[in-house]
Amino acid sequence: MIFCENQEEIDYYWTKLTENGGEPGPCGWLKDRYGVSWQVIPDRLDDMITDPDPAKAARVTQAFMAMGKFDIAALDKAYAGE
């Protein structure tokens, strides 16, 4: 797992690890060109999906299940109920 502070960091690792034959996957997962699997995730994702408010956690989980590369802005909107 690669925990990232912001979208720029997610984009950087996603790009570097999928170039030259790497493969993007679902829910932040990818394989690098050597076939090693990585999950590139926002460092605050765990706090969001373990929030005491089950509605917030469910919205975030539903949002990220539809993603390949994580989109922090979309996760923040789901968390806020927007």
Protein backbone atom coordinates (compact mmCIF):
# COMPACT_ATOMS: atom_id res chain seq x y z
CA MET A 1 0.00 0.00 0.00
CA ILE A 2 1.12 3.49 -0.76
CA PHE A 3 -0.55 6.07 1.47
CA CYS A 4 -0.77 9.47 -0.19
CA GLU A 5 -1.32 12.88 1.33
CA ASN A 6 -2.99 14.51 -1.69
CA GLN A 7 -4.24 13.97 -5.23
CA GLU A 8 -0.93 15.05 -6.74
CA GLU A 9 0.83 12.24 -4.90
CA ILE A 10 -1.81 9.68 -5.94
CA ASP A 11 -1.48 10.79 -9.56
CA TYR A 12 2.32 10.59 -9.40
CA TYR A 13 2.48 7.02 -8.08
CA TRP A 14 -0.38 5.86 -10.30
CA THR A 15 1.36 7.21 -13.40
CA LYS A 16 4.81 5.90 -12.50
CA LEU A 17 3.64 2.43 -11.53
CA THR A 18 1.35 1.88 -14.52
CA GLU A 19 3.75 3.14 -17.18
CA ASN A 20 5.78 0.75 -19.35
CA GLY A 21 3.33 -2.12 -19.13
CA GLY A 22 1.67 -1.62 -15.76
CA GLU A 23 -2.08 -2.17 -15.49
CA PRO A 24 -4.67 -0.08 -13.66
CA GLY A 25 -7.25 -1.92 -11.60
CA PRO A 26 -10.25 -1.20 -9.38
CA CYS A 27 -10.38 0.48 -5.96
CA GLY A 28 -6.92 2.03 -6.12
CA TRP A 29 -5.23 -1.23 -7.13
CA LEU A 30 -2.75 -1.55 -9.97
CA LYS A 31 0.00 -3.84 -11.17
CA ASP A 32 3.40 -2.47 -12.05
CA ARG A 33 5.32 -3.63 -15.10
CA TYR A 34 6.76 -6.53 -13.10
CA GLY A 35 3.33 -7.79 -12.06
CA VAL A 36 3.59 -6.58 -8.46
CA SER A 37 0.24 -5.36 -7.08
CA TRP A 38 0.01 -2.02 -5.29
CA GLN A 39 -2.84 -0.07 -3.78
CA VAL A 40 -2.41 3.69 -3.99
CA ILE A 41 -4.78 5.29 -1.48
CA PRO A 42 -5.40 8.58 0.32
CA ASP A 43 -3.99 8.48 3.83
CA ARG A 44 -7.32 9.64 5.27
CA LEU A 45 -9.41 6.90 3.62
CA ASP A 46 -9.29 4.69 6.72
CA ASP A 47 -10.71 7.51 8.87
CA MET A 48 -13.52 8.03 6.38
CA ILE A 49 -14.60 4.39 6.11
CA THR A 50 -14.41 3.85 9.88
CA ASP A 51 -16.33 7.02 10.75
CA PRO A 52 -18.80 6.47 13.59
CA ASP A 53 -21.55 7.77 11.28
CA PRO A 54 -22.45 4.69 9.21
CA ALA A 55 -24.03 6.82 6.46
CA LYS A 56 -20.75 8.68 5.86
CA ALA A 57 -18.77 5.45 5.81
CA ALA A 58 -21.24 3.82 3.43
CA ARG A 59 -21.20 6.76 1.01
CA VAL A 60 -17.41 6.77 0.87
CA THR A 61 -17.24 3.01 0.43
CA GLN A 62 -19.79 3.13 -2.39
CA ALA A 63 -17.85 5.95 -4.07
CA PHE A 64 -14.46 4.24 -3.96
CA MET A 65 -15.84 0.89 -5.10
CA ALA A 66 -16.67 2.57 -8.43
CA MET A 67 -13.19 4.07 -8.83
CA GLY A 68 -9.99 2.88 -10.41
CA LYS A 69 -7.51 5.53 -9.34
CA PHE A 70 -8.78 7.27 -6.22
CA ASP A 71 -10.24 10.75 -6.65
CA ILE A 72 -9.88 12.54 -3.31
CA ALA A 73 -12.30 15.35 -4.26
CA ALA A 74 -15.01 12.79 -5.07
CA LEU A 75 -14.36 10.95 -1.81
CA ASP A 76 -14.61 14.21 0.14
CA LYS A 77 -17.95 14.98 -1.55
CA ALA A 78 -19.28 11.52 -0.74
CA TYR A 79 -18.13 11.90 2.86
CA ALA A 80 -19.88 15.27 3.13
CA GLY A 81 -23.05 13.87 1.56
CA GLU A 82 -22.86 16.07 -1.52
